[in-house]
């Protein structure tokens, strides 16, 4: 069986675990954000939840491009991260 080429297209089409939320900016305006569980550094914000869902993939593409160019490990959905679960390890 041929090995899967793990390029930008491969990563863009993975079923990432989206975490949606809302918060207030420094001026007290409500905004909506998306985070990706597997990429802790990823956050995308927009004025509405719909806009966040429509547009986060542009930022995801840029984030993945940088990670691939830098040789960073990309944790895929369903794959365990090597980072210890500090909340459960520390009393």
C-alpha atoms as a PDB file:
ATOM      1  CA  UNK A   1       0.000   0.000   0.000  1.00  0.00           C
ATOM      2  CA  UNK A   2       1.347   3.423  -0.961  1.00  0.00           C
ATOM      3  CA  UNK A   3       2.287   5.847   1.773  1.00  0.00           C
ATOM      4  CA  UNK A   4       0.004   8.869   2.063  1.00  0.00           C
ATOM      5  CA  UNK A   5       1.693  12.143   1.131  1.00  0.00           C
ATOM      6  CA  UNK A   6       1.192  14.415   4.112  1.00  0.00           C
ATOM      7  CA  UNK A   7       1.196  17.763   2.375  1.00  0.00           C
ATOM      8  CA  UNK A   8      -0.865  20.915   2.849  1.00  0.00           C
ATOM      9  CA  UNK A   9      -3.898  19.451   1.044  1.00  0.00           C
ATOM     10  CA  UNK A  10      -3.777  16.360   3.251  1.00  0.00           C
ATOM     11  CA  UNK A  11      -3.792  18.429   6.450  1.00  0.00           C
ATOM     12  CA  UNK A  12      -6.434  20.892   5.194  1.00  0.00           C
ATOM     13  CA  UNK A  13      -8.872  18.025   4.691  1.00  0.00           C
ATOM     14  CA  UNK A  14      -8.513  16.380   8.104  1.00  0.00           C
ATOM     15  CA  UNK A  15     -11.553  16.401  10.419  1.00  0.00           C
ATOM     16  CA  UNK A  16     -10.092  18.894  12.914  1.00  0.00           C
ATOM     17  CA  UNK A  17     -11.734  19.188  16.324  1.00  0.00           C
ATOM     18  CA  UNK A  18     -13.214  22.701  16.387  1.00  0.00           C
ATOM     19  CA  UNK A  19     -13.831  24.459  19.672  1.00  0.00           C
ATOM     20  CA  UNK A  20     -16.231  27.363  19.344  1.00  0.00           C
ATOM     21  CA  UNK A  21     -16.742  30.121  21.849  1.00  0.00           C
ATOM     22  CA  UNK A  22     -17.406  33.770  22.365  1.00  0.00           C
ATOM     23  CA  UNK A  23     -15.717  36.503  24.331  1.00  0.00           C
ATOM     24  CA  UNK A  24     -15.521  40.278  24.563  1.00  0.00           C
ATOM     25  CA  UNK A  25     -12.790  42.420  23.053  1.00  0.00           C
ATOM     26  CA  UNK A  26     -11.082  45.270  24.930  1.00  0.00           C
ATOM     27  CA  UNK A  27     -13.918  47.632  23.961  1.00  0.00           C
ATOM     28  CA  UNK A  28     -16.605  45.296  25.323  1.00  0.00           C
ATOM     29  CA  UNK A  29     -17.773  44.082  21.910  1.00  0.00           C
ATOM     30  CA  UNK A  30     -18.822  40.452  21.603  1.00  0.00           C
ATOM     31  CA  UNK A  31     -16.846  38.319  19.139  1.00  0.00           C
ATOM     32  CA  UNK A  32     -16.856  34.642  18.228  1.00  0.00           C
ATOM     33  CA  UNK A  33     -13.798  32.458  17.982  1.00  0.00           C
ATOM     34  CA  UNK A  34     -12.742  29.053  16.757  1.00  0.00           C
ATOM     35  CA  UNK A  35      -9.864  27.054  18.157  1.00  0.00           C
ATOM     36  CA  UNK A  36      -8.543  23.735  16.930  1.00  0.00           C
ATOM     37  CA  UNK A  37      -7.924  21.231  19.717  1.00  0.00           C
ATOM     38  CA  UNK A  38      -5.010  19.583  17.915  1.00  0.00           C
ATOM     39  CA  UNK A  39      -3.265  22.918  17.158  1.00  0.00           C
ATOM     40  CA  UNK A  40      -3.122  24.800  20.491  1.00  0.00           C
ATOM     41  CA  UNK A  41      -1.630  27.909  18.858  1.00  0.00           C
ATOM     42  CA  UNK A  42      -4.601  28.273  16.469  1.00  0.00           C
ATOM     43  CA  UNK A  43      -7.365  30.772  17.185  1.00  0.00           C
ATOM     44  CA  UNK A  44      -9.566  32.614  14.712  1.00  0.00           C
ATOM     45  CA  UNK A  45     -12.037  35.345  15.627  1.00  0.00           C
ATOM     46  CA  UNK A  46     -14.890  37.080  13.825  1.00  0.00           C
ATOM     47  CA  UNK A  47     -17.902  39.251  14.641  1.00  0.00           C
ATOM     48  CA  UNK A  48     -20.331  36.341  14.165  1.00  0.00           C
ATOM     49  CA  UNK A  49     -20.124  32.575  14.593  1.00  0.00           C
ATOM     50  CA  UNK A  50     -21.133  32.172  10.940  1.00  0.00           C
ATOM     51  CA  UNK A  51     -18.251  34.369   9.732  1.00  0.00           C
ATOM     52  CA  UNK A  52     -15.799  32.501  11.957  1.00  0.00           C
ATOM     53  CA  UNK A  53     -16.918  29.161  10.472  1.00  0.00           C
ATOM     54  CA  UNK A  54     -16.837  30.541   6.912  1.00  0.00           C
ATOM     55  CA  UNK A  55     -13.369  32.066   7.132  1.00  0.00           C
ATOM     56  CA  UNK A  56     -11.194  30.138   9.593  1.00  0.00           C
ATOM     57  CA  UNK A  57      -9.756  27.864   6.892  1.00  0.00           C
ATOM     58  CA  UNK A  58      -7.727  30.739   5.409  1.00  0.00           C
ATOM     59  CA  UNK A  59      -5.937  31.158   8.748  1.00  0.00           C
ATOM     60  CA  UNK A  60      -5.664  27.371   9.148  1.00  0.00           C
ATOM     61  CA  UNK A  61      -3.948  27.135   5.755  1.00  0.00           C
ATOM     62  CA  UNK A  62      -1.386  29.795   6.736  1.00  0.00           C
ATOM     63  CA  UNK A  63      -0.783  28.145  10.115  1.00  0.00           C
ATOM     64  CA  UNK A  64      -0.249  24.729   8.529  1.00  0.00           C
ATOM     65  CA  UNK A  65       2.081  26.196   5.881  1.00  0.00           C
ATOM     66  CA  UNK A  66       4.294  27.668   8.612  1.00  0.00           C
ATOM     67  CA  UNK A  67       4.215  24.435  10.629  1.00  0.00           C
ATOM     68  CA  UNK A  68       5.163  22.356   7.572  1.00  0.00           C
ATOM     69  CA  UNK A  69       7.966  24.745   6.560  1.00  0.00           C
ATOM     70  CA  UNK A  70       9.308  24.766  10.128  1.00  0.00           C
ATOM     71  CA  UNK A  71       9.158  20.982  10.452  1.00  0.00           C
ATOM     72  CA  UNK A  72       6.827  21.229  13.448  1.00  0.00           C
ATOM     73  CA  UNK A  73       4.978  18.078  14.491  1.00  0.00           C
ATOM     74  CA  UNK A  74       1.342  18.323  13.480  1.00  0.00           C
ATOM     75  CA  UNK A  75      -0.886  16.321  15.798  1.00  0.00           C
ATOM     76  CA  UNK A  76      -3.682  14.822  13.728  1.00  0.00           C
ATOM     77  CA  UNK A  77      -7.259  14.342  14.939  1.00  0.00           C
ATOM     78  CA  UNK A  78      -7.463  11.158  17.013  1.00  0.00           C
ATOM     79  CA  UNK A  79      -3.703  11.061  17.536  1.00  0.00           C
ATOM     80  CA  UNK A  80      -2.357  11.418  21.041  1.00  0.00           C
ATOM     81  CA  UNK A  81      -0.172  14.441  21.685  1.00  0.00           C
ATOM     82  CA  UNK A  82       3.209  13.805  23.295  1.00  0.00           C
ATOM     83  CA  UNK A  83       2.536  16.631  25.762  1.00  0.00           C
ATOM     84  CA  UNK A  84       1.756  15.325  29.260  1.00  0.00           C
ATOM     85  CA  UNK A  85      -1.672  16.042  30.725  1.00  0.00           C
ATOM     86  CA  UNK A  86      -0.365  18.480  33.340  1.00  0.00           C
ATOM     87  CA  UNK A  87      -3.766  19.085  34.962  1.00  0.00           C
ATOM     88  CA  UNK A  88      -4.028  15.425  35.939  1.00  0.00           C
ATOM     89  CA  UNK A  89      -0.343  14.957  36.776  1.00  0.00           C
ATOM     90  CA  UNK A  90      -0.002  17.912  39.140  1.00  0.00           C
ATOM     91  CA  UNK A  91      -1.859  17.876  42.446  1.00  0.00           C
END
